[in-house]
Each structure stands twice: as C-alpha cells, then as structure tokens.
Amino acid sequence: MTRHIADRSHESSSGRTQYYTRQERESGLHPAIAALRMRPRIRNSEEANRRAAEFARIERGHRV
C-alpha cells in the first residue's frame, strides 16, 4: 500500500523558512552595484569620444 499524498515528514518544514530568508537576503542591492550607480555619468559625448580615441591610439602603439 502506498503512502497518501498528505503523508509527509515534518523535517522539511524548516526548508521553506530557509528558502524565504535566502531569497530576502539575495534580493538586496549589492554594494558594488550601488557604487556603480553613484558614479557620475559622462554628460558630454565629445568627452566620451575623446576617451575612446585615446584608447585606440594607445592600442595602435602611437605615442604623443
């Protein structure tokens, strides 16, 4: 005779609490993400283009 679907051990009842606490802990904002959001953005596209141009110049091996 097989067990009824409602016949479960009560040992796994703490697993639900552990899952909930893990989910709450991981749902918080990671400090690295918060630091990235606090960084100032480059407002001038000309400044961003100049930075890319400097990296390309360095990559090609050109010196000033």
Protein backbone atom coordinates (compact mmCIF):
# COMPACT_ATOMS: atom_id res chain seq x y z
CA MET A 1 0.00 0.00 0.00
CA THR A 2 1.41 3.41 -0.94
CA ARG A 3 1.50 6.46 1.26
CA HIS A 4 -1.09 9.17 0.93
CA ILE A 5 -0.01 12.43 -0.74
CA ALA A 6 -0.59 14.32 2.52
CA ASP A 7 1.68 11.97 4.48
CA ARG A 8 4.96 13.87 4.59
CA SER A 9 7.60 14.14 7.22
CA HIS A 10 7.77 17.42 9.07
CA GLU A 11 11.54 17.61 8.69
CA SER A 12 11.32 19.68 5.51
CA SER A 13 9.18 22.41 7.09
CA SER A 14 12.30 24.43 8.00
CA GLY A 15 13.36 24.38 4.35
CA ARG A 16 10.59 26.77 3.49
CA THR A 17 11.84 29.26 6.07
CA GLN A 18 15.42 28.87 4.85
CA TYR A 19 14.31 29.46 1.26
CA TYR A 20 12.43 32.61 2.28
CA THR A 21 15.35 34.04 4.27
CA ARG A 22 17.81 33.29 1.44
CA GLN A 23 15.53 34.97 -1.05
CA GLU A 24 15.21 38.07 1.16
CA ARG A 25 18.96 38.23 1.70
CA GLU A 26 19.76 37.94 -2.01
CA SER A 27 17.11 40.43 -3.08
CA GLY A 28 19.10 43.30 -1.53
CA LEU A 29 21.27 45.58 -3.64
CA HIS A 30 24.90 44.51 -3.86
CA PRO A 31 27.34 47.22 -2.66
CA ALA A 32 29.23 47.11 -5.97
CA ILE A 33 26.05 47.89 -7.89
CA ALA A 34 25.27 50.78 -5.55
CA ALA A 35 28.79 52.18 -6.09
CA LEU A 36 28.38 51.98 -9.86
CA ARG A 37 25.09 53.83 -9.68
CA MET A 38 26.69 56.60 -7.62
CA ARG A 39 29.44 57.25 -10.18
CA PRO A 40 28.95 60.39 -12.25
CA ARG A 41 27.99 59.80 -15.85
CA ILE A 42 29.83 61.36 -18.74
CA ARG A 43 27.46 64.05 -19.89
CA ASN A 44 29.40 65.30 -22.85
CA SER A 45 29.52 62.86 -25.76
CA GLU A 46 32.59 64.68 -27.06
CA GLU A 47 34.45 63.73 -23.87
CA ALA A 48 33.40 60.08 -24.27
CA ASN A 49 34.56 60.08 -27.89
CA ARG A 50 37.91 61.56 -26.88
CA ARG A 51 38.41 58.83 -24.33
CA ALA A 52 37.70 56.13 -26.93
CA ALA A 53 40.11 57.84 -29.33
CA GLU A 54 42.86 57.80 -26.68
CA PHE A 55 42.35 54.09 -26.03
CA ALA A 56 42.52 53.40 -29.76
CA ARG A 57 45.70 55.46 -30.03
CA ILE A 58 47.32 53.50 -27.22
CA GLU A 59 46.22 50.22 -28.78
CA ARG A 60 47.85 51.17 -32.09
CA GLY A 61 51.06 51.95 -30.24
CA HIS A 62 51.23 55.65 -31.06
CA ARG A 63 52.87 57.99 -28.60
CA VAL A 64 52.25 61.64 -28.02
